[in-house]
C-alpha atoms as a PDB file:
ATOM      1  CA  MET A   1       0.000   0.000   0.000  1.00  0.00           C
ATOM      2  CA  GLU A   2       1.347   3.432  -0.976  1.00  0.00           C
ATOM      3  CA  ILE A   3       2.262   5.754   1.885  1.00  0.00           C
ATOM      4  CA  ARG A   4       0.471   9.051   1.212  1.00  0.00           C
ATOM      5  CA  ASN A   5       1.119  11.002   4.374  1.00  0.00           C
ATOM      6  CA  GLY A   6       4.002  13.421   4.750  1.00  0.00           C
ATOM      7  CA  LEU A   7       4.851  17.064   4.152  1.00  0.00           C
ATOM      8  CA  PHE A   8       4.039  18.573   0.754  1.00  0.00           C
ATOM      9  CA  VAL A   9       7.457  19.918  -0.163  1.00  0.00           C
ATOM     10  CA  TYR A  10       6.472  22.942  -2.245  1.00  0.00           C
ATOM     11  CA  LYS A  11       4.916  26.190  -1.084  1.00  0.00           C
ATOM     12  CA  ASN A  12       2.105  25.711  -3.605  1.00  0.00           C
ATOM     13  CA  GLU A  13       1.270  23.971  -6.898  1.00  0.00           C
ATOM     14  CA  ASN A  14       2.706  26.805  -8.981  1.00  0.00           C
ATOM     15  CA  CYS A  15       6.043  26.455  -7.200  1.00  0.00           C
ATOM     16  CA  MET A  16       6.077  22.767  -8.095  1.00  0.00           C
ATOM     17  CA  LYS A  17       5.437  23.678 -11.752  1.00  0.00           C
ATOM     18  CA  GLN A  18       8.337  26.128 -11.685  1.00  0.00           C
ATOM     19  CA  MET A  19      10.640  23.397 -10.383  1.00  0.00           C
ATOM     20  CA  HIS A  20       9.429  20.970 -13.041  1.00  0.00           C
ATOM     21  CA  ASP A  21      10.039  23.607 -15.717  1.00  0.00           C
ATOM     22  CA  PHE A  22      13.592  24.037 -14.435  1.00  0.00           C
ATOM     23  CA  TYR A  23      13.989  20.254 -14.438  1.00  0.00           C
ATOM     24  CA  ASP A  24      13.037  20.084 -18.126  1.00  0.00           C
ATOM     25  CA  LYS A  25      15.223  23.063 -19.011  1.00  0.00           C
ATOM     26  CA  SER A  26      18.305  21.709 -17.227  1.00  0.00           C
ATOM     27  CA  LEU A  27      17.718  18.234 -18.669  1.00  0.00           C
ATOM     28  CA  GLU A  28      17.615  19.625 -22.208  1.00  0.00           C
ATOM     29  CA  ALA A  29      20.795  21.602 -21.500  1.00  0.00           C
ATOM     30  CA  LEU A  30      22.664  18.347 -20.823  1.00  0.00           C
ATOM     31  CA  ASN A  31      22.318  17.501 -24.522  1.00  0.00           C
ATOM     32  CA  VAL A  32      22.395  13.747 -23.906  1.00  0.00           C
ATOM     33  CA  GLU A  33      20.202  10.809 -24.847  1.00  0.00           C
ATOM     34  CA  PHE A  34      17.666  10.049 -22.134  1.00  0.00           C
ATOM     35  CA  GLU A  35      14.438   8.298 -21.332  1.00  0.00           C
ATOM     36  CA  GLU A  36      12.029   8.857 -18.464  1.00  0.00           C
ATOM     37  CA  MET A  37       9.792   6.451 -16.591  1.00  0.00           C
ATOM     38  CA  GLN A  38       7.564   6.308 -13.533  1.00  0.00           C
ATOM     39  CA  VAL A  39       7.726   3.509 -10.960  1.00  0.00           C
ATOM     40  CA  ASP A  40       5.019   2.838  -8.394  1.00  0.00           C
ATOM     41  CA  THR A  41       6.630   2.240  -4.997  1.00  0.00           C
ATOM     42  CA  THR A  42       5.357   1.808  -1.472  1.00  0.00           C
ATOM     43  CA  TYR A  43       6.327   5.420  -0.777  1.00  0.00           C
ATOM     44  CA  GLY A  44       4.792   6.961  -3.889  1.00  0.00           C
ATOM     45  CA  LYS A  45       5.492   7.329  -7.588  1.00  0.00           C
ATOM     46  CA  THR A  46       9.166   7.621  -8.405  1.00  0.00           C
ATOM     47  CA  HIS A  47      10.370   9.348 -11.552  1.00  0.00           C
ATOM     48  CA  ILE A  48      13.521   7.888 -13.079  1.00  0.00           C
ATOM     49  CA  LEU A  49      15.906   9.250 -15.682  1.00  0.00           C
ATOM     50  CA  ILE A  50      18.093   6.920 -17.693  1.00  0.00           C
ATOM     51  CA  ALA A  51      20.725   8.991 -19.464  1.00  0.00           C
ATOM     52  CA  GLY A  52      23.194   7.954 -22.127  1.00  0.00           C
ATOM     53  CA  ASP A  53      23.565   4.985 -24.452  1.00  0.00           C
ATOM     54  CA  ARG A  54      21.557   1.999 -23.181  1.00  0.00           C
ATOM     55  CA  ASN A  55      24.060  -0.321 -24.881  1.00  0.00           C
ATOM     56  CA  LYS A  56      26.694   0.740 -22.358  1.00  0.00           C
ATOM     57  CA  PRO A  57      26.901  -0.748 -18.828  1.00  0.00           C
ATOM     58  CA  MET A  58      24.396   0.797 -16.431  1.00  0.00           C
ATOM     59  CA  ILE A  59      25.296   2.436 -13.131  1.00  0.00           C
ATOM     60  CA  CYS A  60      23.031   4.167 -10.628  1.00  0.00           C
ATOM     61  CA  SER A  61      23.505   7.707  -9.365  1.00  0.00           C
ATOM     62  CA  ILE A  62      21.298   9.420  -6.769  1.00  0.00           C
ATOM     63  CA  HIS A  63      21.167  13.176  -6.292  1.00  0.00           C
ATOM     64  CA  GLY A  64      22.018  14.784  -2.961  1.00  0.00           C
ATOM     65  CA  GLY A  65      19.752  16.265  -0.319  1.00  0.00           C
ATOM     66  CA  ASN A  66      17.444  19.008  -1.616  1.00  0.00           C
ATOM     67  CA  GLY A  67      19.043  18.331  -4.979  1.00  0.00           C
ATOM     68  CA  ILE A  68      17.776  17.415  -8.416  1.00  0.00           C
ATOM     69  CA  SER A  69      18.653  14.580 -10.800  1.00  0.00           C
ATOM     70  CA  THR A  70      19.385  16.772 -13.814  1.00  0.00           C
ATOM     71  CA  LEU A  71      22.130  18.691 -12.005  1.00  0.00           C
ATOM     72  CA  ASN A  72      23.433  15.483 -10.475  1.00  0.00           C
ATOM     73  CA  LEU A  73      23.787  14.114 -14.007  1.00  0.00           C
ATOM     74  CA  ARG A  74      25.561  17.324 -14.938  1.00  0.00           C
ATOM     75  CA  ILE A  75      28.135  16.665 -12.195  1.00  0.00           C
ATOM     76  CA  PHE A  76      28.768  13.110 -13.355  1.00  0.00           C
ATOM     77  CA  LYS A  77      28.301  13.718 -17.082  1.00  0.00           C
ATOM     78  CA  PRO A  78      31.864  12.576 -17.990  1.00  0.00           C
ATOM     79  CA  LEU A  79      30.839   9.065 -16.901  1.00  0.00           C
ATOM     80  CA  LEU A  80      28.391   8.952 -19.835  1.00  0.00           C
ATOM     81  CA  ASN A  81      31.418   8.309 -22.031  1.00  0.00           C
ATOM     82  CA  TYR A  82      31.497   4.837 -20.501  1.00  0.00           C
ATOM     83  CA  TYR A  83      28.082   4.124 -18.944  1.00  0.00           C
ATOM     84  CA  CYS A  84      24.420   4.886 -19.063  1.00  0.00           C
ATOM     85  CA  ILE A  85      23.250   6.337 -15.759  1.00  0.00           C
ATOM     86  CA  MET A  86      20.019   5.432 -14.012  1.00  0.00           C
ATOM     87  CA  SER A  87      19.029   8.297 -11.738  1.00  0.00           C
ATOM     88  CA  PRO A  88      15.858   8.247  -9.591  1.00  0.00           C
ATOM     89  CA  ASP A  89      14.333  11.461  -8.272  1.00  0.00           C
ATOM     90  CA  VAL A  90      14.241  11.061  -4.502  1.00  0.00           C
ATOM     91  CA  ILE A  91      10.711  11.138  -3.107  1.00  0.00           C
ATOM     92  CA  GLY A  92      10.055  14.313  -1.135  1.00  0.00           C
ATOM     93  CA  MET A  93      12.838  16.313  -2.782  1.00  0.00           C
ATOM     94  CA  PRO A  94      12.956  18.530  -5.911  1.00  0.00           C
ATOM     95  CA  GLY A  95      12.196  16.608  -9.059  1.00  0.00           C
ATOM     96  CA  LYS A  96       9.240  14.745 -10.477  1.00  0.00           C
ATOM     97  CA  SER A  97       8.700  12.032  -7.893  1.00  0.00           C
ATOM     98  CA  HIS A  98       5.970  11.951  -5.225  1.00  0.00           C
ATOM     99  CA  PRO A  99       6.152  15.481  -3.706  1.00  0.00           C
ATOM    100  CA  TYR A 100       5.548  14.394  -0.107  1.00  0.00           C
ATOM    101  CA  ARG A 101       8.324  13.797   2.418  1.00  0.00           C
ATOM    102  CA  ASN A 102       7.635  10.363   3.873  1.00  0.00           C
ATOM    103  CA  LEU A 103      10.945   8.480   3.677  1.00  0.00           C
ATOM    104  CA  ASN A 104      12.028   7.821   7.272  1.00  0.00           C
ATOM    105  CA  THR A 105      15.771   7.398   7.730  1.00  0.00           C
ATOM    106  CA  LYS A 106      15.257   5.764  11.136  1.00  0.00           C
ATOM    107  CA  LYS A 107      13.363   2.919   9.464  1.00  0.00           C
ATOM    108  CA  ASP A 108      15.785   2.479   6.550  1.00  0.00           C
ATOM    109  CA  ASP A 109      13.095   3.553   4.116  1.00  0.00           C
ATOM    110  CA  PHE A 110      15.769   4.593   1.614  1.00  0.00           C
ATOM    111  CA  ALA A 111      16.947   0.988   1.457  1.00  0.00           C
ATOM    112  CA  TYR A 112      13.479  -0.406   0.799  1.00  0.00           C
ATOM    113  CA  TRP A 113      12.678   2.350  -1.711  1.00  0.00           C
ATOM    114  CA  LEU A 114      15.874   1.661  -3.671  1.00  0.00           C
ATOM    115  CA  ARG A 115      15.232  -2.077  -3.600  1.00  0.00           C
ATOM    116  CA  GLU A 116      11.791  -1.531  -5.143  1.00  0.00           C
ATOM    117  CA  ILE A 117      13.347   0.530  -7.945  1.00  0.00           C
ATOM    118  CA  LEU A 118      15.985  -2.119  -8.659  1.00  0.00           C
ATOM    119  CA  ASP A 119      13.352  -4.865  -8.591  1.00  0.00           C
ATOM    120  CA  PHE A 120      11.174  -2.945 -11.057  1.00  0.00           C
ATOM    121  CA  LEU A 121      14.112  -2.595 -13.444  1.00  0.00           C
ATOM    122  CA  GLU A 122      15.049  -6.264 -12.863  1.00  0.00           C
ATOM    123  CA  ILE A 123      18.507  -5.267 -11.638  1.00  0.00           C
ATOM    124  CA  ARG A 124      19.975  -7.763  -9.211  1.00  0.00           C
ATOM    125  CA  SER A 125      23.012  -5.635  -8.365  1.00  0.00           C
ATOM    126  CA  ILE A 126      24.592  -2.468  -9.711  1.00  0.00           C
ATOM    127  CA  SER A 127      27.438  -0.045  -9.046  1.00  0.00           C
ATOM    128  CA  PHE A 128      26.520   3.291  -7.482  1.00  0.00           C
ATOM    129  CA  VAL A 129      27.878   6.818  -7.797  1.00  0.00           C
ATOM    130  CA  VAL A 130      26.635   9.093  -5.020  1.00  0.00           C
ATOM    131  CA  SER A 131      27.488  12.413  -3.433  1.00  0.00           C
ATOM    132  CA  SER A 132      26.612  14.374  -0.334  1.00  0.00           C
ATOM    133  CA  TYR A 133      23.316  13.278   1.283  1.00  0.00           C
ATOM    134  CA  SER A 134      22.808  10.390  -1.142  1.00  0.00           C
ATOM    135  CA  ALA A 135      25.816   8.576   0.346  1.00  0.00           C
ATOM    136  CA  ALA A 136      23.722   8.071   3.489  1.00  0.00           C
ATOM    137  CA  MET A 137      20.926   6.700   1.281  1.00  0.00           C
ATOM    138  CA  LEU A 138      23.423   4.235  -0.187  1.00  0.00           C
ATOM    139  CA  PHE A 139      24.600   3.195   3.275  1.00  0.00           C
ATOM    140  CA  SER A 140      20.981   2.451   4.182  1.00  0.00           C
ATOM    141  CA  LEU A 141      20.900   0.016   1.246  1.00  0.00           C
ATOM    142  CA  ALA A 142      24.316  -1.336   2.287  1.00  0.00           C
ATOM    143  CA  LYS A 143      22.965  -2.021   5.762  1.00  0.00           C
ATOM    144  CA  VAL A 144      19.787  -3.838   4.721  1.00  0.00           C
ATOM    145  CA  PHE A 145      20.460  -5.204   1.229  1.00  0.00           C
ATOM    146  CA  PRO A 146      24.256  -5.132   0.733  1.00  0.00           C
ATOM    147  CA  GLU A 147      24.071  -7.723  -2.050  1.00  0.00           C
ATOM    148  CA  ARG A 148      22.433  -5.137  -4.332  1.00  0.00           C
ATOM    149  CA  ILE A 149      25.641  -3.051  -4.488  1.00  0.00           C
ATOM    150  CA  ASP A 150      28.484  -4.079  -6.826  1.00  0.00           C
ATOM    151  CA  LYS A 151      30.885  -1.216  -6.172  1.00  0.00           C
ATOM    152  CA  ALA A 152      30.347   2.296  -4.832  1.00  0.00           C
ATOM    153  CA  ALA A 153      31.940   5.659  -5.595  1.00  0.00           C
ATOM    154  CA  LEU A 154      31.329   8.382  -3.013  1.00  0.00           C
ATOM    155  CA  VAL A 155      32.008  12.093  -3.605  1.00  0.00           C
ATOM    156  CA  VAL A 156      31.981  14.540  -0.644  1.00  0.00           C
ATOM    157  CA  PRO A 157      29.894  11.901   1.153  1.00  0.00           C
ATOM    158  CA  SER A 158      27.557  12.041   4.098  1.00  0.00           C
ATOM    159  CA  GLY A 159      26.812   8.992   6.233  1.00  0.00           C
ATOM    160  CA  LEU A 160      30.279   8.799   7.756  1.00  0.00           C
ATOM    161  CA  ALA A 161      31.273  11.979   9.581  1.00  0.00           C
ATOM    162  CA  HIS A 162      30.456  15.691   9.510  1.00  0.00           C
ATOM    163  CA  GLY A 163      32.354  18.899  10.104  1.00  0.00           C
ATOM    164  CA  PRO A 164      32.143  21.070  13.233  1.00  0.00           C
ATOM    165  CA  ILE A 165      28.576  22.242  13.817  1.00  0.00           C
ATOM    166  CA  ILE A 166      29.310  25.854  14.836  1.00  0.00           C
ATOM    167  CA  PRO A 167      31.041  26.835  11.554  1.00  0.00           C
ATOM    168  CA  ILE A 168      28.242  25.133   9.586  1.00  0.00           C
ATOM    169  CA  ILE A 169      25.630  27.133  11.493  1.00  0.00           C
ATOM    170  CA  GLY A 170      27.592  30.366  11.232  1.00  0.00           C
ATOM    171  CA  LYS A 171      28.441  30.133   7.538  1.00  0.00           C
ATOM    172  CA  MET A 172      25.132  28.693   6.350  1.00  0.00           C
ATOM    173  CA  SER A 173      22.337  29.710   8.739  1.00  0.00           C
ATOM    174  CA  ILE A 174      23.036  33.455   8.692  1.00  0.00           C
ATOM    175  CA  PRO A 175      23.109  33.729   4.860  1.00  0.00           C
ATOM    176  CA  PHE A 176      19.942  31.608   4.684  1.00  0.00           C
ATOM    177  CA  MET A 177      18.147  33.868   7.156  1.00  0.00           C
ATOM    178  CA  LYS A 178      19.239  36.962   5.210  1.00  0.00           C
ATOM    179  CA  TYR A 179      17.846  35.447   2.034  1.00  0.00           C
ATOM    180  CA  TYR A 180      14.510  34.471   3.579  1.00  0.00           C
ATOM    181  CA  ILE A 181      14.071  37.906   5.150  1.00  0.00           C
ATOM    182  CA  LYS A 182      14.992  39.786   1.992  1.00  0.00           C
ATOM    183  CA  PRO A 183      15.796  37.727  -1.135  1.00  0.00           C
ATOM    184  CA  SER A 184      18.485  39.373  -3.245  1.00  0.00           C
ATOM    185  CA  ALA A 185      21.403  38.503  -5.491  1.00  0.00           C
ATOM    186  CA  LYS A 186      23.785  39.506  -2.698  1.00  0.00           C
ATOM    187  CA  ALA A 187      22.051  37.241  -0.163  1.00  0.00           C
ATOM    188  CA  LEU A 188      22.069  34.371  -2.638  1.00  0.00           C
ATOM    189  CA  LYS A 189      25.779  34.859  -3.273  1.00  0.00           C
ATOM    190  CA  GLY A 190      26.414  34.554   0.471  1.00  0.00           C
ATOM    191  CA  ILE A 191      24.991  31.028   0.284  1.00  0.00           C
ATOM    192  CA  THR A 192      26.478  29.853  -2.989  1.00  0.00           C
ATOM    193  CA  GLU A 193      29.971  31.062  -2.097  1.00  0.00           C
ATOM    194  CA  VAL A 194      30.023  28.545   0.748  1.00  0.00           C
ATOM    195  CA  MET A 195      28.703  25.711  -1.415  1.00  0.00           C
ATOM    196  CA  ILE A 196      30.011  26.162  -4.970  1.00  0.00           C
ATOM    197  CA  THR A 197      33.676  25.966  -5.959  1.00  0.00           C
ATOM    198  CA  GLU A 198      33.260  27.937  -9.195  1.00  0.00           C
ATOM    199  CA  SER A 199      30.527  30.466  -9.998  1.00  0.00           C
ATOM    200  CA  ASP A 200      27.827  28.786 -12.067  1.00  0.00           C
ATOM    201  CA  GLU A 201      24.633  30.376 -13.390  1.00  0.00           C
ATOM    202  CA  ILE A 202      22.636  27.144 -13.570  1.00  0.00           C
ATOM    203  CA  TRP A 203      23.433  26.155  -9.995  1.00  0.00           C
ATOM    204  CA  GLU A 204      22.697  29.680  -8.797  1.00  0.00           C
ATOM    205  CA  GLU A 205      19.347  29.621 -10.605  1.00  0.00           C
ATOM    206  CA  PHE A 206      18.535  26.316  -8.924  1.00  0.00           C
ATOM    207  CA  PHE A 207      19.465  27.569  -5.443  1.00  0.00           C
ATOM    208  CA  ASP A 208      17.316  30.654  -5.944  1.00  0.00           C
ATOM    209  CA  LEU A 209      14.360  28.538  -7.068  1.00  0.00           C
ATOM    210  CA  MET A 210      14.851  25.945  -4.338  1.00  0.00           C
ATOM    211  CA  MET A 211      14.891  28.495  -1.542  1.00  0.00           C
ATOM    212  CA  SER A 212      11.968  30.506  -2.878  1.00  0.00           C
ATOM    213  CA  SER A 213       9.603  27.669  -3.780  1.00  0.00           C
ATOM    214  CA  TYR A 214      10.568  24.520  -1.889  1.00  0.00           C
ATOM    215  CA  LYS A 215      10.475  23.481   1.775  1.00  0.00           C
ATOM    216  CA  MET A 216      13.987  22.267   2.385  1.00  0.00           C
ATOM    217  CA  GLU A 217      14.861  19.009   4.128  1.00  0.00           C
ATOM    218  CA  MET A 218      16.686  20.283   7.197  1.00  0.00           C
ATOM    219  CA  ARG A 219      17.217  16.986   9.015  1.00  0.00           C
ATOM    220  CA  PRO A 220      20.868  15.908   8.771  1.00  0.00           C
ATOM    221  CA  PRO A 221      21.671  12.604   7.079  1.00  0.00           C
ATOM    222  CA  LYS A 222      22.189   9.601   9.314  1.00  0.00           C
ATOM    223  CA  GLU A 223      25.739   8.524  10.156  1.00  0.00           C
ATOM    224  CA  TYR A 224      26.351   4.774  10.150  1.00  0.00           C
ATOM    225  CA  THR A 225      28.268   2.469  12.470  1.00  0.00           C
ATOM    226  CA  LYS A 226      30.507  -0.537  11.880  1.00  0.00           C
ATOM    227  CA  LYS A 227      27.808  -2.794  13.329  1.00  0.00           C
ATOM    228  CA  GLU A 228      25.199  -1.469  10.912  1.00  0.00           C
ATOM    229  CA  LEU A 229      27.479  -2.090   7.920  1.00  0.00           C
ATOM    230  CA  CYS A 230      28.874  -5.412   9.114  1.00  0.00           C
ATOM    231  CA  LYS A 231      27.485  -7.308   6.087  1.00  0.00           C
ATOM    232  CA  PHE A 232      28.607  -4.745   3.505  1.00  0.00           C
ATOM    233  CA  ASN A 233      31.651  -6.098   1.670  1.00  0.00           C
ATOM    234  CA  SER A 234      31.648  -4.177  -1.601  1.00  0.00           C
ATOM    235  CA  GLU A 235      34.647  -2.153  -2.741  1.00  0.00           C
ATOM    236  CA  VAL A 236      34.359   1.600  -2.177  1.00  0.00           C
ATOM    237  CA  ILE A 237      36.221   4.634  -3.497  1.00  0.00           C
ATOM    238  CA  ILE A 238      35.863   7.981  -1.714  1.00  0.00           C
ATOM    239  CA  PHE A 239      36.639  11.519  -2.887  1.00  0.00           C
ATOM    240  CA  ALA A 240      36.535  14.224  -0.220  1.00  0.00           C
ATOM    241  CA  SER A 241      37.867  17.708   0.468  1.00  0.00           C
ATOM    242  CA  ASN A 242      38.965  19.468   3.622  1.00  0.00           C
ATOM    243  CA  ASP A 243      37.451  22.646   2.144  1.00  0.00           C
ATOM    244  CA  ASP A 244      33.999  21.030   2.263  1.00  0.00           C
ATOM    245  CA  ILE A 245      32.253  22.624   5.229  1.00  0.00           C
ATOM    246  CA  PHE A 246      29.821  19.721   5.639  1.00  0.00           C
ATOM    247  CA  PHE A 247      31.914  16.554   5.306  1.00  0.00           C
ATOM    248  CA  PRO A 248      35.661  17.334   5.565  1.00  0.00           C
ATOM    249  CA  ALA A 249      38.012  14.744   4.131  1.00  0.00           C
ATOM    250  CA  ASP A 250      40.090  14.036   7.244  1.00  0.00           C
ATOM    251  CA  GLN A 251      37.033  13.148   9.337  1.00  0.00           C
ATOM    252  CA  VAL A 252      35.372  11.219   6.494  1.00  0.00           C
ATOM    253  CA  PHE A 253      38.476   9.137   5.705  1.00  0.00           C
ATOM    254  CA  LYS A 254      39.156   8.350   9.355  1.00  0.00           C
ATOM    255  CA  LYS A 255      35.597   7.135   9.937  1.00  0.00           C
ATOM    256  CA  SER A 256      35.535   5.116   6.699  1.00  0.00           C
ATOM    257  CA  ASP A 257      38.595   3.150   7.823  1.00  0.00           C
ATOM    258  CA  GLN A 258      36.863   2.400  11.113  1.00  0.00           C
ATOM    259  CA  ILE A 259      33.512   1.138   9.833  1.00  0.00           C
ATOM    260  CA  LEU A 260      33.984  -0.375   6.364  1.00  0.00           C
ATOM    261  CA  ASN A 261      34.998  -4.037   6.160  1.00  0.00           C
ATOM    262  CA  ILE A 262      37.133  -3.457   3.082  1.00  0.00           C
ATOM    263  CA  ALA A 263      39.478  -0.476   3.335  1.00  0.00           C
ATOM    264  CA  PRO A 264      38.270   2.093   0.788  1.00  0.00           C
ATOM    265  CA  GLN A 265      40.363   3.821  -1.810  1.00  0.00           C
ATOM    266  CA  LYS A 266      40.667   7.441  -0.683  1.00  0.00           C
ATOM    267  CA  HIS A 267      41.399  10.538  -2.746  1.00  0.00           C
ATOM    268  CA  TYR A 268      41.705  14.126  -1.574  1.00  0.00           C
ATOM    269  CA  ILE A 269      40.194  16.675  -3.929  1.00  0.00           C
ATOM    270  CA  LYS A 270      40.400  20.465  -3.764  1.00  0.00           C
ATOM    271  CA  CYS A 271      36.886  21.929  -3.740  1.00  0.00           C
ATOM    272  CA  LYS A 272      33.991  23.211  -1.715  1.00  0.00           C
ATOM    273  CA  HIS A 273      30.866  21.061  -1.377  1.00  0.00           C
ATOM    274  CA  LEU A 274      30.123  21.276  -5.122  1.00  0.00           C
ATOM    275  CA  PRO A 275      33.299  20.463  -7.086  1.00  0.00           C
ATOM    276  CA  SER A 276      34.304  22.246 -10.281  1.00  0.00           C
ATOM    277  CA  ASP A 277      33.876  20.685 -13.719  1.00  0.00           C
ATOM    278  CA  SER A 278      37.643  20.178 -14.049  1.00  0.00           C
ATOM    279  CA  THR A 279      37.784  18.379 -10.702  1.00  0.00           C
ATOM    280  CA  MET A 280      34.870  16.140 -11.677  1.00  0.00           C
ATOM    281  CA  LEU A 281      36.512  15.278 -14.988  1.00  0.00           C
ATOM    282  CA  ASP A 282      39.445  13.803 -13.068  1.00  0.00           C
ATOM    283  CA  VAL A 283      37.160  12.201 -10.460  1.00  0.00           C
ATOM    284  CA  CYS A 284      35.063  10.510 -13.140  1.00  0.00           C
ATOM    285  CA  GLU A 285      38.149   9.095 -14.840  1.00  0.00           C
ATOM    286  CA  LYS A 286      39.257   7.607 -11.525  1.00  0.00           C
ATOM    287  CA  ILE A 287      35.750   6.205 -10.940  1.00  0.00           C
ATOM    288  CA  HIS A 288      35.792   4.581 -14.380  1.00  0.00           C
ATOM    289  CA  SER A 289      39.163   2.988 -13.638  1.00  0.00           C
ATOM    290  CA  PHE A 290      37.876   1.803 -10.243  1.00  0.00           C
ATOM    291  CA  PHE A 291      34.741   0.228 -11.726  1.00  0.00           C
ATOM    292  CA  GLY A 292      36.958  -1.555 -14.235  1.00  0.00           C
ATOM    293  CA  GLU A 293      34.533  -1.449 -17.142  1.00  0.00           C
END
């Protein structure tokens, strides 16, 4: 039975339309082959993008918290040289899936939701590419259904460790409050400067739209323990930066060594929370080599 309760994540129906229009615009801007489909899940309809040549090996990539699949595909676009990418819109976040927030991290709903998607597509196991909040979603799957994960590439990942809370509050909360009180280009820049490595009009447009039309998910992603991941034995590669205010590399790498059964490959990158295109070009080449396709 579909779960219908939960918070409607837009301020109104028109705001949802504006986000969908941006979705279509940013998808077209990718200039890649794609197909779209809807999957009925326990938690609501899930919209899925499959980008790239279907004759190439398929991998799965999930967008980050309060993020959107089209921009996630933009980040990992270099991987389309080697793979097609299956990318579900997370329920209760921007995108075209069920617009009600009802996935409960305490109940490992992300794991069961992802399993339903893989079952629908008749995928027994697949390699994942995730970043930020979606790493915690992957770890939920790793906890409950570890056999569904071939290999995993994590970029500036959540689910392991976070940075000091006071700097996060100081550098993010104040700019957010300024924007909500009086939206302006200057207030928006105060937010994007903390998040984005290189100025980018499309990302800035998305942040403006997200904060003006969407009710953000403010709950932090869950952090996992060695006990919870005791059955997860897939190979993992991690890319992280000490300039990332949310998930600094030193803390992330230390925790990954403590809780993962197989020691992950670890790479320092130089970026804020959203890496530059040049950084991602190098990251994607390393991911391709790691996947071994």
